[in-house]
Amino acid sequence: LWVIPITFLFQCFTMPFASTVIRRRIGLRSSMILGSVIMSFGVFCSSFATTLETFVFFYCVVLGIGNAIAYTSPIVIGWEWFPNRKGLVSGCVLAGFGCGGFLFNLVGTASKSYYIFSTY
C-alpha cells in the first residue's frame, strides 16, 4: 500500500506554503500547535475509518498537511538560533521527529494492550 509515500507527497507539497504563509500570519509557536492538532486529528479520524479511501484521506492527506505545518517551525527556529549549523539543526529536528514517532508507537501499543486487551 502506498500510505507513507502519499503522506510524504502531501507533506512536501504543503511545506512551502506552511513555511511562508501560515508561519508569517500566525507565528511559529501557533503554527507548530496548529500542525500538531491537525496531525492528531488525522490520526484520530483515521482510526475510525471504515473504507480504504477514508483512511487514506485522513492518514495521508490530513496527517501530511499537519506534519508539514508542524515540521517547519522547529527548523526555522533552529536556523535562526544557529545560522552557521543548518545541517546539524535539520538533522536534530529530523531525529526528534523520528524518535517521537518511535516512542509514540511504543506508548500507544503498550497502553492499548494493557487497557483494552488485559485479561486480569
PDB file of N, CA and C in Angstrom:
ATOM      1  N   LEU A   1       0.846  -1.178   0.000  1.00  0.00           N
ATOM      2  CA  LEU A   1       0.000   0.000   0.000  1.00  0.00           C
ATOM      3  C   LEU A   1       0.890   1.241   0.000  1.00  0.00           C
ATOM      4  N   TRP A   2       0.428   2.269  -0.578  1.00  0.00           N
ATOM      5  CA  TRP A   2       1.213   3.484  -0.771  1.00  0.00           C
ATOM      6  C   TRP A   2       0.870   4.550   0.267  1.00  0.00           C
ATOM      7  N   VAL A   3       0.718   4.189   1.513  1.00  0.00           N
ATOM      8  CA  VAL A   3       0.297   5.145   2.533  1.00  0.00           C
ATOM      9  C   VAL A   3       1.407   6.141   2.851  1.00  0.00           C
ATOM     10  N   ILE A   4       2.584   5.666   3.166  1.00  0.00           N
ATOM     11  CA  ILE A   4       3.679   6.555   3.552  1.00  0.00           C
ATOM     12  C   ILE A   4       4.119   7.464   2.398  1.00  0.00           C
ATOM     13  N   PRO A   5       4.288   6.952   1.162  1.00  0.00           N
ATOM     14  CA  PRO A   5       4.642   7.873   0.079  1.00  0.00           C
ATOM     15  C   PRO A   5       3.604   8.960  -0.178  1.00  0.00           C
ATOM     16  N   ILE A   6       2.310   8.626  -0.030  1.00  0.00           N
ATOM     17  CA  ILE A   6       1.279   9.654  -0.218  1.00  0.00           C
ATOM     18  C   ILE A   6       1.368  10.693   0.896  1.00  0.00           C
ATOM     19  N   THR A   7       1.643  10.236   2.121  1.00  0.00           N
ATOM     20  CA  THR A   7       1.821  11.171   3.236  1.00  0.00           C
ATOM     21  C   THR A   7       2.990  12.105   2.966  1.00  0.00           C
ATOM     22  N   PHE A   8       4.115  11.566   2.524  1.00  0.00           N
ATOM     23  CA  PHE A   8       5.280  12.406   2.211  1.00  0.00           C
ATOM     24  C   PHE A   8       5.001  13.353   1.054  1.00  0.00           C
ATOM     25  N   LEU A   9       4.211  12.901   0.092  1.00  0.00           N
ATOM     26  CA  LEU A   9       3.855  13.750  -1.040  1.00  0.00           C
ATOM     27  C   LEU A   9       3.087  14.981  -0.571  1.00  0.00           C
ATOM     28  N   PHE A  10       2.072  14.782   0.261  1.00  0.00           N
ATOM     29  CA  PHE A  10       1.306  15.924   0.761  1.00  0.00           C
ATOM     30  C   PHE A  10       2.137  16.778   1.710  1.00  0.00           C
ATOM     31  N   GLN A  11       3.042  16.153   2.448  1.00  0.00           N
ATOM     32  CA  GLN A  11       3.929  16.931   3.308  1.00  0.00           C
ATOM     33  C   GLN A  11       4.840  17.823   2.468  1.00  0.00           C
ATOM     34  N   CYS A  12       5.394  17.283   1.413  1.00  0.00           N
ATOM     35  CA  CYS A  12       6.306  18.069   0.572  1.00  0.00           C
ATOM     36  C   CYS A  12       5.589  19.177  -0.186  1.00  0.00           C
ATOM     37  N   PHE A  13       4.362  18.927  -0.636  1.00  0.00           N
ATOM     38  CA  PHE A  13       3.632  19.971  -1.354  1.00  0.00           C
ATOM     39  C   PHE A  13       3.112  21.059  -0.425  1.00  0.00           C
ATOM     40  N   THR A  14       2.866  20.736   0.826  1.00  0.00           N
ATOM     41  CA  THR A  14       2.336  21.708   1.775  1.00  0.00           C
ATOM     42  C   THR A  14       3.437  22.496   2.461  1.00  0.00           C
ATOM     43  N   MET A  15       4.638  21.958   2.542  1.00  0.00           N
ATOM     44  CA  MET A  15       5.701  22.592   3.318  1.00  0.00           C
ATOM     45  C   MET A  15       6.061  24.003   2.846  1.00  0.00           C
ATOM     46  N   PRO A  16       6.176  24.296   1.559  1.00  0.00           N
ATOM     47  CA  PRO A  16       6.470  25.692   1.180  1.00  0.00           C
ATOM     48  C   PRO A  16       5.375  26.669   1.605  1.00  0.00           C
ATOM     49  N   PHE A  17       4.123  26.244   1.485  1.00  0.00           N
ATOM     50  CA  PHE A  17       3.007  27.081   1.930  1.00  0.00           C
ATOM     51  C   PHE A  17       3.041  27.259   3.447  1.00  0.00           C
ATOM     52  N   ALA A  18       3.320  26.173   4.150  1.00  0.00           N
ATOM     53  CA  ALA A  18       3.348  26.227   5.617  1.00  0.00           C
ATOM     54  C   ALA A  18       4.495  27.085   6.120  1.00  0.00           C
ATOM     55  N   SER A  19       5.627  27.033   5.430  1.00  0.00           N
ATOM     56  CA  SER A  19       6.787  27.774   5.921  1.00  0.00           C
ATOM     57  C   SER A  19       6.710  29.263   5.632  1.00  0.00           C
ATOM     58  N   THR A  20       5.863  29.668   4.721  1.00  0.00           N
ATOM     59  CA  THR A  20       5.777  31.095   4.416  1.00  0.00           C
ATOM     60  C   THR A  20       4.476  31.710   4.894  1.00  0.00           C
ATOM     61  N   VAL A  21       3.367  31.261   4.341  1.00  0.00           N
ATOM     62  CA  VAL A  21       2.085  31.921   4.589  1.00  0.00           C
ATOM     63  C   VAL A  21       1.612  31.715   6.027  1.00  0.00           C
ATOM     64  N   ILE A  22       1.521  30.469   6.445  1.00  0.00           N
ATOM     65  CA  ILE A  22       0.974  30.183   7.779  1.00  0.00           C
ATOM     66  C   ILE A  22       1.894  30.709   8.869  1.00  0.00           C
ATOM     67  N   ARG A  23       3.178  30.475   8.725  1.00  0.00           N
ATOM     68  CA  ARG A  23       4.133  30.917   9.750  1.00  0.00           C
ATOM     69  C   ARG A  23       4.136  32.434   9.901  1.00  0.00           C
ATOM     70  N   ARG A  24       4.038  33.167   8.817  1.00  0.00           N
ATOM     71  CA  ARG A  24       4.048  34.630   8.899  1.00  0.00           C
ATOM     72  C   ARG A  24       2.738  35.197   9.439  1.00  0.00           C
ATOM     73  N   ARG A  25       1.643  34.499   9.200  1.00  0.00           N
ATOM     74  CA  ARG A  25       0.347  35.005   9.673  1.00  0.00           C
ATOM     75  C   ARG A  25       0.101  34.734  11.141  1.00  0.00           C
ATOM     76  N   ILE A  26       0.427  33.532  11.613  1.00  0.00           N
ATOM     77  CA  ILE A  26       0.074  33.207  12.997  1.00  0.00           C
ATOM     78  C   ILE A  26       1.287  33.001  13.899  1.00  0.00           C
ATOM     79  N   GLY A  27       2.485  33.015  13.369  1.00  0.00           N
ATOM     80  CA  GLY A  27       3.682  32.874  14.190  1.00  0.00           C
ATOM     81  C   GLY A  27       4.159  31.430  14.279  1.00  0.00           C
ATOM     82  N   LEU A  28       5.373  31.279  14.798  1.00  0.00           N
ATOM     83  CA  LEU A  28       5.994  29.958  14.846  1.00  0.00           C
ATOM     84  C   LEU A  28       5.323  29.043  15.863  1.00  0.00           C
ATOM     85  N   ARG A  29       5.102  29.537  17.064  1.00  0.00           N
ATOM     86  CA  ARG A  29       4.511  28.699  18.108  1.00  0.00           C
ATOM     87  C   ARG A  29       3.096  28.265  17.736  1.00  0.00           C
ATOM     88  N   SER A  30       2.313  29.200  17.247  1.00  0.00           N
ATOM     89  CA  SER A  30       0.939  28.872  16.872  1.00  0.00           C
ATOM     90  C   SER A  30       0.887  27.919  15.681  1.00  0.00           C
ATOM     91  N   SER A  31       1.803  28.074  14.743  1.00  0.00           N
ATOM     92  CA  SER A  31       1.803  27.153  13.601  1.00  0.00           C
ATOM     93  C   SER A  31       2.238  25.757  14.024  1.00  0.00           C
ATOM     94  N   MET A  32       3.132  25.649  15.004  1.00  0.00           N
ATOM     95  CA  MET A  32       3.521  24.337  15.500  1.00  0.00           C
ATOM     96  C   MET A  32       2.345  23.662  16.220  1.00  0.00           C
ATOM     97  N   ILE A  33       1.612  24.437  17.010  1.00  0.00           N
ATOM     98  CA  ILE A  33       0.446  23.894  17.695  1.00  0.00           C
ATOM     99  C   ILE A  33      -0.634  23.505  16.684  1.00  0.00           C
ATOM    100  N   LEU A  34      -0.868  24.363  15.688  1.00  0.00           N
ATOM    101  CA  LEU A  34      -1.854  24.051  14.653  1.00  0.00           C
ATOM    102  C   LEU A  34      -1.490  22.773  13.910  1.00  0.00           C
ATOM    103  N   GLY A  35      -0.230  22.623  13.543  1.00  0.00           N
ATOM    104  CA  GLY A  35       0.204  21.409  12.862  1.00  0.00           C
ATOM    105  C   GLY A  35       0.035  20.168  13.722  1.00  0.00           C
ATOM    106  N   SER A  36       0.317  20.295  15.016  1.00  0.00           N
ATOM    107  CA  SER A  36       0.145  19.157  15.922  1.00  0.00           C
ATOM    108  C   SER A  36      -1.319  18.772  16.065  1.00  0.00           C
ATOM    109  N   VAL A  37      -2.185  19.769  16.128  1.00  0.00           N
ATOM    110  CA  VAL A  37      -3.623  19.491  16.218  1.00  0.00           C
ATOM    111  C   VAL A  37      -4.121  18.815  14.945  1.00  0.00           C
ATOM    112  N   ILE A  38      -3.678  19.291  13.797  1.00  0.00           N
ATOM    113  CA  ILE A  38      -4.092  18.688  12.524  1.00  0.00           C
ATOM    114  C   ILE A  38      -3.568  17.259  12.419  1.00  0.00           C
ATOM    115  N   MET A  39      -2.325  17.034  12.843  1.00  0.00           N
ATOM    116  CA  MET A  39      -1.783  15.677  12.824  1.00  0.00           C
ATOM    117  C   MET A  39      -2.572  14.753  13.738  1.00  0.00           C
ATOM    118  N   SER A  40      -2.864  15.211  14.945  1.00  0.00           N
ATOM    119  CA  SER A  40      -3.636  14.393  15.891  1.00  0.00           C
ATOM    120  C   SER A  40      -5.031  14.107  15.361  1.00  0.00           C
ATOM    121  N   PHE A  41      -5.643  15.106  14.756  1.00  0.00           N
ATOM    122  CA  PHE A  41      -6.965  14.931  14.164  1.00  0.00           C
ATOM    123  C   PHE A  41      -6.929  13.890  13.049  1.00  0.00           C
ATOM    124  N   GLY A  42      -5.899  13.930  12.212  1.00  0.00           N
ATOM    125  CA  GLY A  42      -5.790  12.959  11.129  1.00  0.00           C
ATOM    126  C   GLY A  42      -5.625  11.539  11.625  1.00  0.00           C
ATOM    127  N   VAL A  43      -4.781  11.351  12.637  1.00  0.00           N
ATOM    128  CA  VAL A  43      -4.585  10.008  13.189  1.00  0.00           C
ATOM    129  C   VAL A  43      -5.853   9.536  13.898  1.00  0.00           C
ATOM    130  N   PHE A  44      -6.488  10.426  14.656  1.00  0.00           N
ATOM    131  CA  PHE A  44      -7.711  10.065  15.378  1.00  0.00           C
ATOM    132  C   PHE A  44      -8.827   9.667  14.415  1.00  0.00           C
ATOM    133  N   CYS A  45      -9.049  10.470  13.397  1.00  0.00           N
ATOM    134  CA  CYS A  45     -10.125  10.170  12.443  1.00  0.00           C
ATOM    135  C   CYS A  45      -9.813   8.938  11.600  1.00  0.00           C
ATOM    136  N   SER A  46      -8.544   8.712  11.302  1.00  0.00           N
ATOM    137  CA  SER A  46      -8.204   7.529  10.516  1.00  0.00           C
ATOM    138  C   SER A  46      -8.421   6.250  11.309  1.00  0.00           C
ATOM    139  N   SER A  47      -8.400   6.327  12.629  1.00  0.00           N
ATOM    140  CA  SER A  47      -8.645   5.121  13.416  1.00  0.00           C
ATOM    141  C   SER A  47     -10.099   4.685  13.353  1.00  0.00           C
ATOM    142  N   PHE A  48     -11.002   5.574  12.955  1.00  0.00           N
ATOM    143  CA  PHE A  48     -12.411   5.231  12.807  1.00  0.00           C
ATOM    144  C   PHE A  48     -12.816   4.991  11.356  1.00  0.00           C
ATOM    145  N   ALA A  49     -11.866   5.000  10.449  1.00  0.00           N
ATOM    146  CA  ALA A  49     -12.180   4.833   9.029  1.00  0.00           C
ATOM    147  C   ALA A  49     -12.684   3.424   8.753  1.00  0.00           C
ATOM    148  N   THR A  50     -13.717   3.342   7.938  1.00  0.00           N
ATOM    149  CA  THR A  50     -14.280   2.044   7.575  1.00  0.00           C
ATOM    150  C   THR A  50     -13.945   1.649   6.144  1.00  0.00           C
ATOM    151  N   THR A  51     -13.478   2.600   5.347  1.00  0.00           N
ATOM    152  CA  THR A  51     -13.072   2.294   3.977  1.00  0.00           C
ATOM    153  C   THR A  51     -11.622   2.725   3.780  1.00  0.00           C
ATOM    154  N   LEU A  52     -11.014   2.161   2.768  1.00  0.00           N
ATOM    155  CA  LEU A  52      -9.629   2.495   2.472  1.00  0.00           C
ATOM    156  C   LEU A  52      -9.486   3.947   2.038  1.00  0.00           C
ATOM    157  N   GLU A  53     -10.453   4.458   1.296  1.00  0.00           N
ATOM    158  CA  GLU A  53     -10.389   5.841   0.825  1.00  0.00           C
ATOM    159  C   GLU A  53     -10.439   6.822   1.995  1.00  0.00           C
ATOM    160  N   THR A  54     -11.288   6.545   2.969  1.00  0.00           N
ATOM    161  CA  THR A  54     -11.377   7.412   4.143  1.00  0.00           C
ATOM    162  C   THR A  54     -10.091   7.354   4.941  1.00  0.00           C
ATOM    163  N   PHE A  55      -9.544   6.155   5.096  1.00  0.00           N
ATOM    164  CA  PHE A  55      -8.284   6.018   5.816  1.00  0.00           C
ATOM    165  C   PHE A  55      -7.161   6.765   5.118  1.00  0.00           C
ATOM    166  N   VAL A  56      -7.062   6.600   3.812  1.00  0.00           N
ATOM    167  CA  VAL A  56      -6.007   7.279   3.056  1.00  0.00           C
ATOM    168  C   VAL A  56      -6.169   8.790   3.147  1.00  0.00           C
ATOM    169  N   PHE A  57      -7.401   9.281   3.094  1.00  0.00           N
ATOM    170  CA  PHE A  57      -7.604  10.723   3.197  1.00  0.00           C
ATOM    171  C   PHE A  57      -7.122  11.244   4.547  1.00  0.00           C
ATOM    172  N   PHE A  58      -7.590  10.646   5.621  1.00  0.00           N
ATOM    173  CA  PHE A  58      -7.232  11.174   6.936  1.00  0.00           C
ATOM    174  C   PHE A  58      -5.780  10.893   7.298  1.00  0.00           C
ATOM    175  N   TYR A  59      -5.300   9.694   7.004  1.00  0.00           N
ATOM    176  CA  TYR A  59      -3.941   9.358   7.423  1.00  0.00           C
ATOM    177  C   TYR A  59      -2.891   9.931   6.489  1.00  0.00           C
ATOM    178  N   CYS A  60      -3.189  10.027   5.221  1.00  0.00           N
ATOM    179  CA  CYS A  60      -2.190  10.533   4.276  1.00  0.00           C
ATOM    180  C   CYS A  60      -2.310  12.035   4.065  1.00  0.00           C
ATOM    181  N   VAL A  61      -3.483  12.492   3.701  1.00  0.00           N
ATOM    182  CA  VAL A  61      -3.651  13.901   3.349  1.00  0.00           C
ATOM    183  C   VAL A  61      -3.615  14.784   4.589  1.00  0.00           C
ATOM    184  N   VAL A  62      -4.482  14.497   5.558  1.00  0.00           N
ATOM    185  CA  VAL A  62      -4.577  15.359   6.740  1.00  0.00           C
ATOM    186  C   VAL A  62      -3.302  15.263   7.579  1.00  0.00           C
ATOM    187  N   LEU A  63      -2.802  14.051   7.806  1.00  0.00           N
ATOM    188  CA  LEU A  63      -1.565  13.887   8.577  1.00  0.00           C
ATOM    189  C   LEU A  63      -0.380  14.525   7.852  1.00  0.00           C
ATOM    190  N   GLY A  64      -0.312  14.397   6.545  1.00  0.00           N
ATOM    191  CA  GLY A  64       0.788  15.000   5.785  1.00  0.00           C
ATOM    192  C   GLY A  64       0.778  16.516   5.848  1.00  0.00           C
ATOM    193  N   ILE A  65      -0.405  17.110   5.775  1.00  0.00           N
ATOM    194  CA  ILE A  65      -0.512  18.567   5.862  1.00  0.00           C
ATOM    195  C   ILE A  65      -0.128  19.044   7.265  1.00  0.00           C
ATOM    196  N   GLY A  66      -0.636  18.359   8.289  1.00  0.00           N
ATOM    197  CA  GLY A  66      -0.278  18.733   9.663  1.00  0.00           C
ATOM    198  C   GLY A  66       1.194  18.536   9.950  1.00  0.00           C
ATOM    199  N   ASN A  67       1.769  17.489   9.395  1.00  0.00           N
ATOM    200  CA  ASN A  67       3.195  17.235   9.575  1.00  0.00           C
ATOM    201  C   ASN A  67       4.036  18.330   8.931  1.00  0.00           C
ATOM    202  N   ALA A  68       3.628  18.787   7.776  1.00  0.00           N
ATOM    203  CA  ALA A  68       4.366  19.863   7.112  1.00  0.00           C
ATOM    204  C   ALA A  68       4.304  21.157   7.913  1.00  0.00           C
ATOM    205  N   ILE A  69       3.141  21.455   8.478  1.00  0.00           N
ATOM    206  CA  ILE A  69       2.997  22.688   9.255  1.00  0.00           C
ATOM    207  C   ILE A  69       3.803  22.600  10.539  1.00  0.00           C
ATOM    208  N   ALA A  70       3.756  21.447  11.207  1.00  0.00           N
ATOM    209  CA  ALA A  70       4.469  21.304  12.482  1.00  0.00           C
ATOM    210  C   ALA A  70       5.971  21.159  12.289  1.00  0.00           C
ATOM    211  N   TYR A  71       6.411  20.603  11.195  1.00  0.00           N
ATOM    212  CA  TYR A  71       7.836  20.325  10.970  1.00  0.00           C
ATOM    213  C   TYR A  71       8.633  21.580  10.619  1.00  0.00           C
ATOM    214  N   THR A  72       8.011  22.562   9.997  1.00  0.00           N
ATOM    215  CA  THR A  72       8.764  23.733   9.565  1.00  0.00           C
ATOM    216  C   THR A  72       9.141  24.663  10.723  1.00  0.00           C
ATOM    217  N   SER A  73       8.329  24.725  11.753  1.00  0.00           N
ATOM    218  CA  SER A  73       8.613  25.652  12.854  1.00  0.00           C
ATOM    219  C   SER A  73       9.909  25.340  13.584  1.00  0.00           C
ATOM    220  N   PRO A  74      10.186  24.098  14.005  1.00  0.00           N
ATOM    221  CA  PRO A  74      11.469  23.838  14.659  1.00  0.00           C
ATOM    222  C   PRO A  74      12.669  24.070  13.752  1.00  0.00           C
ATOM    223  N   ILE A  75      12.496  23.801  12.467  1.00  0.00           N
ATOM    224  CA  ILE A  75      13.588  24.048  11.519  1.00  0.00           C
ATOM    225  C   ILE A  75      13.911  25.541  11.461  1.00  0.00           C
ATOM    226  N   VAL A  76      12.888  26.366  11.317  1.00  0.00           N
ATOM    227  CA  VAL A  76      13.087  27.817  11.209  1.00  0.00           C
ATOM    228  C   VAL A  76      13.684  28.371  12.503  1.00  0.00           C
ATOM    229  N   ILE A  77      13.171  27.933  13.639  1.00  0.00           N
ATOM    230  CA  ILE A  77      13.700  28.413  14.921  1.00  0.00           C
ATOM    231  C   ILE A  77      15.157  28.001  15.094  1.00  0.00           C
ATOM    232  N   GLY A  78      15.453  26.760  14.766  1.00  0.00           N
ATOM    233  CA  GLY A  78      16.841  26.292  14.872  1.00  0.00           C
ATOM    234  C   GLY A  78      17.783  27.024  13.940  1.00  0.00           C
ATOM    235  N   TRP A  79      17.325  27.317  12.731  1.00  0.00           N
ATOM    236  CA  TRP A  79      18.159  28.057  11.795  1.00  0.00           C
ATOM    237  C   TRP A  79      18.402  29.491  12.262  1.00  0.00           C
ATOM    238  N   GLU A  80      17.415  30.079  12.942  1.00  0.00           N
ATOM    239  CA  GLU A  80      17.620  31.433  13.473  1.00  0.00           C
ATOM    240  C   GLU A  80      18.612  31.432  14.624  1.00  0.00           C
ATOM    241  N   TRP A  81      18.566  30.408  15.460  1.00  0.00           N
ATOM    242  CA  TRP A  81      19.479  30.345  16.599  1.00  0.00           C
ATOM    243  C   TRP A  81      20.890  29.936  16.193  1.00  0.00           C
ATOM    244  N   PHE A  82      21.003  29.036  15.236  1.00  0.00           N
ATOM    245  CA  PHE A  82      22.305  28.532  14.787  1.00  0.00           C
ATOM    246  C   PHE A  82      22.422  28.696  13.276  1.00  0.00           C
ATOM    247  N   PRO A  83      22.661  29.910  12.785  1.00  0.00           N
ATOM    248  CA  PRO A  83      22.684  30.122  11.331  1.00  0.00           C
ATOM    249  C   PRO A  83      23.858  29.437  10.635  1.00  0.00           C
ATOM    250  N   ASN A  84      24.919  29.153  11.345  1.00  0.00           N
ATOM    251  CA  ASN A  84      26.082  28.507  10.737  1.00  0.00           C
ATOM    252  C   ASN A  84      26.000  26.978  10.809  1.00  0.00           C
ATOM    253  N   ARG A  85      25.003  26.443  11.466  1.00  0.00           N
ATOM    254  CA  ARG A  85      24.871  25.000  11.665  1.00  0.00           C
ATOM    255  C   ARG A  85      23.525  24.490  11.158  1.00  0.00           C
ATOM    256  N   LYS A  86      23.153  24.875   9.958  1.00  0.00           N
ATOM    257  CA  LYS A  86      21.835  24.498   9.432  1.00  0.00           C
ATOM    258  C   LYS A  86      21.708  22.996   9.220  1.00  0.00           C
ATOM    259  N   GLY A  87      22.764  22.339   8.818  1.00  0.00           N
ATOM    260  CA  GLY A  87      22.717  20.884   8.634  1.00  0.00           C
ATOM    261  C   GLY A  87      22.537  20.148   9.951  1.00  0.00           C
ATOM    262  N   LEU A  88      23.239  20.600  10.977  1.00  0.00           N
ATOM    263  CA  LEU A  88      23.101  19.992  12.291  1.00  0.00           C
ATOM    264  C   LEU A  88      21.694  20.194  12.841  1.00  0.00           C
ATOM    265  N   VAL A  89      21.155  21.391  12.676  1.00  0.00           N
ATOM    266  CA  VAL A  89      19.797  21.679  13.134  1.00  0.00           C
ATOM    267  C   VAL A  89      18.792  20.798  12.406  1.00  0.00           C
ATOM    268  N   SER A  90      18.924  20.684  11.106  1.00  0.00           N
ATOM    269  CA  SER A  90      17.996  19.848  10.343  1.00  0.00           C
ATOM    270  C   SER A  90      18.077  18.393  10.778  1.00  0.00           C
ATOM    271  N   GLY A  91      19.286  17.912  11.018  1.00  0.00           N
ATOM    272  CA  GLY A  91      19.456  16.531  11.475  1.00  0.00           C
ATOM    273  C   GLY A  91      18.868  16.294  12.844  1.00  0.00           C
ATOM    274  N   CYS A  92      19.047  17.248  13.749  1.00  0.00           N
ATOM    275  CA  CYS A  92      18.484  17.102  15.099  1.00  0.00           C
ATOM    276  C   CYS A  92      16.958  17.134  15.081  1.00  0.00           C
ATOM    277  N   VAL A  93      16.384  18.015  14.278  1.00  0.00           N
ATOM    278  CA  VAL A  93      14.924  18.069  14.187  1.00  0.00           C
ATOM    279  C   VAL A  93      14.389  16.791  13.549  1.00  0.00           C
ATOM    280  N   LEU A  94      15.046  16.310  12.526  1.00  0.00           N
ATOM    281  CA  LEU A  94      14.626  15.058  11.898  1.00  0.00           C
ATOM    282  C   LEU A  94      14.738  13.893  12.874  1.00  0.00           C
ATOM    283  N   ALA A  95      15.810  13.844  13.641  1.00  0.00           N
ATOM    284  CA  ALA A  95      15.965  12.786  14.642  1.00  0.00           C
ATOM    285  C   ALA A  95      14.897  12.897  15.726  1.00  0.00           C
ATOM    286  N   GLY A  96      14.549  14.113  16.112  1.00  0.00           N
ATOM    287  CA  GLY A  96      13.496  14.307  17.103  1.00  0.00           C
ATOM    288  C   GLY A  96      12.155  13.834  16.606  1.00  0.00           C
ATOM    289  N   PHE A  97      11.838  14.116  15.349  1.00  0.00           N
ATOM    290  CA  PHE A  97      10.576  13.636  14.781  1.00  0.00           C
ATOM    291  C   PHE A  97      10.575  12.116  14.698  1.00  0.00           C
ATOM    292  N   GLY A  98      11.692  11.532  14.322  1.00  0.00           N
ATOM    293  CA  GLY A  98      11.768  10.066  14.235  1.00  0.00           C
ATOM    294  C   GLY A  98      11.667   9.401  15.594  1.00  0.00           C
ATOM    295  N   CYS A  99      12.376   9.932  16.575  1.00  0.00           N
ATOM    296  CA  CYS A  99      12.305   9.363  17.930  1.00  0.00           C
ATOM    297  C   CYS A  99      10.923   9.561  18.533  1.00  0.00           C
ATOM    298  N   GLY A 100      10.286  10.689  18.244  1.00  0.00           N
ATOM    299  CA  GLY A 100       8.934  10.917  18.744  1.00  0.00           C
ATOM    300  C   GLY A 100       7.954   9.902  18.188  1.00  0.00           C
ATOM    301  N   GLY A 101       8.059   9.605  16.912  1.00  0.00           N
ATOM    302  CA  GLY A 101       7.195   8.590  16.314  1.00  0.00           C
ATOM    303  C   GLY A 101       7.472   7.202  16.874  1.00  0.00           C
ATOM    304  N   PHE A 102       8.734   6.908  17.113  1.00  0.00           N
ATOM    305  CA  PHE A 102       9.110   5.616  17.693  1.00  0.00           C
ATOM    306  C   PHE A 102       8.542   5.469  19.099  1.00  0.00           C
ATOM    307  N   LEU A 103       8.717   6.492  19.918  1.00  0.00           N
ATOM    308  CA  LEU A 103       8.222   6.428  21.295  1.00  0.00           C
ATOM    309  C   LEU A 103       6.692   6.439  21.345  1.00  0.00           C
ATOM    310  N   PHE A 104       6.050   7.244  20.484  1.00  0.00           N
ATOM    311  CA  PHE A 104       4.586   7.270  20.429  1.00  0.00           C
ATOM    312  C   PHE A 104       4.036   5.902  20.070  1.00  0.00           C
ATOM    313  N   ASN A 105       4.693   5.205  19.168  1.00  0.00           N
ATOM    314  CA  ASN A 105       4.263   3.868  18.785  1.00  0.00           C
ATOM    315  C   ASN A 105       4.374   2.912  19.965  1.00  0.00           C
ATOM    316  N   LEU A 106       5.453   2.978  20.712  1.00  0.00           N
ATOM    317  CA  LEU A 106       5.616   2.101  21.870  1.00  0.00           C
ATOM    318  C   LEU A 106       4.585   2.393  22.953  1.00  0.00           C
ATOM    319  N   VAL A 107       4.386   3.670  23.251  1.00  0.00           N
ATOM    320  CA  VAL A 107       3.416   4.050  24.287  1.00  0.00           C
ATOM    321  C   VAL A 107       2.000   3.676  23.867  1.00  0.00           C
ATOM    322  N   GLY A 108       1.639   3.956  22.629  1.00  0.00           N
ATOM    323  CA  GLY A 108       0.306   3.616  22.150  1.00  0.00           C
ATOM    324  C   GLY A 108       0.045   2.124  22.157  1.00  0.00           C
ATOM    325  N   THR A 109       1.026   1.346  21.726  1.00  0.00           N
ATOM    326  CA  THR A 109       0.867  -0.103  21.727  1.00  0.00           C
ATOM    327  C   THR A 109       0.766  -0.649  23.143  1.00  0.00           C
ATOM    328  N   ALA A 110       1.593  -0.139  24.034  1.00  0.00           N
ATOM    329  CA  ALA A 110       1.564  -0.613  25.413  1.00  0.00           C
ATOM    330  C   ALA A 110       0.261  -0.243  26.108  1.00  0.00           C
ATOM    331  N   SER A 111      -0.216   0.972  25.897  1.00  0.00           N
ATOM    332  CA  SER A 111      -1.457   1.377  26.554  1.00  0.00           C
ATOM    333  C   SER A 111      -2.659   0.628  25.995  1.00  0.00           C
ATOM    334  N   LYS A 112      -2.679   0.405  24.715  1.00  0.00           N
ATOM    335  CA  LYS A 112      -3.793  -0.328  24.120  1.00  0.00           C
ATOM    336  C   LYS A 112      -3.777  -1.778  24.583  1.00  0.00           C
ATOM    337  N   SER A 113      -2.613  -2.380  24.621  1.00  0.00           N
ATOM    338  CA  SER A 113      -2.509  -3.766  25.054  1.00  0.00           C
ATOM    339  C   SER A 113      -2.884  -3.907  26.524  1.00  0.00           C
ATOM    340  N   TYR A 114      -2.515  -2.961  27.341  1.00  0.00           N
ATOM    341  CA  TYR A 114      -2.762  -3.066  28.775  1.00  0.00           C
ATOM    342  C   TYR A 114      -4.213  -2.789  29.132  1.00  0.00           C
ATOM    343  N   TYR A 115      -4.772  -1.721  28.571  1.00  0.00           N
ATOM    344  CA  TYR A 115      -6.107  -1.303  28.998  1.00  0.00           C
ATOM    345  C   TYR A 115      -7.255  -2.007  28.285  1.00  0.00           C
ATOM    346  N   ILE A 116      -7.073  -2.401  27.045  1.00  0.00           N
ATOM    347  CA  ILE A 116      -8.180  -2.979  26.286  1.00  0.00           C
ATOM    348  C   ILE A 116      -8.132  -4.506  26.282  1.00  0.00           C
ATOM    349  N   PHE A 117      -6.967  -5.059  26.086  1.00  0.00           N
ATOM    350  CA  PHE A 117      -6.869  -6.491  25.917  1.00  0.00           C
ATOM    351  C   PHE A 117      -6.348  -7.197  27.170  1.00  0.00           C
ATOM    352  N   SER A 118      -6.420  -6.545  28.295  1.00  0.00           N
ATOM    353  CA  SER A 118      -5.944  -7.169  29.527  1.00  0.00           C
ATOM    354  C   SER A 118      -6.933  -8.238  30.003  1.00  0.00           C
ATOM    355  N   THR A 119      -6.421  -9.359  30.439  1.00  0.00           N
ATOM    356  CA  THR A 119      -7.273 -10.451  30.905  1.00  0.00           C
ATOM    357  C   THR A 119      -7.299 -10.534  32.421  1.00  0.00           C
ATOM    358  N   TYR A 120      -6.717  -9.584  33.108  1.00  0.00           N
ATOM    359  CA  TYR A 120      -6.674  -9.633  34.578  1.00  0.00           C
ATOM    360  C   TYR A 120      -7.922  -9.065  35.181  1.00  0.00           C
TER     361      TYR A 120
END
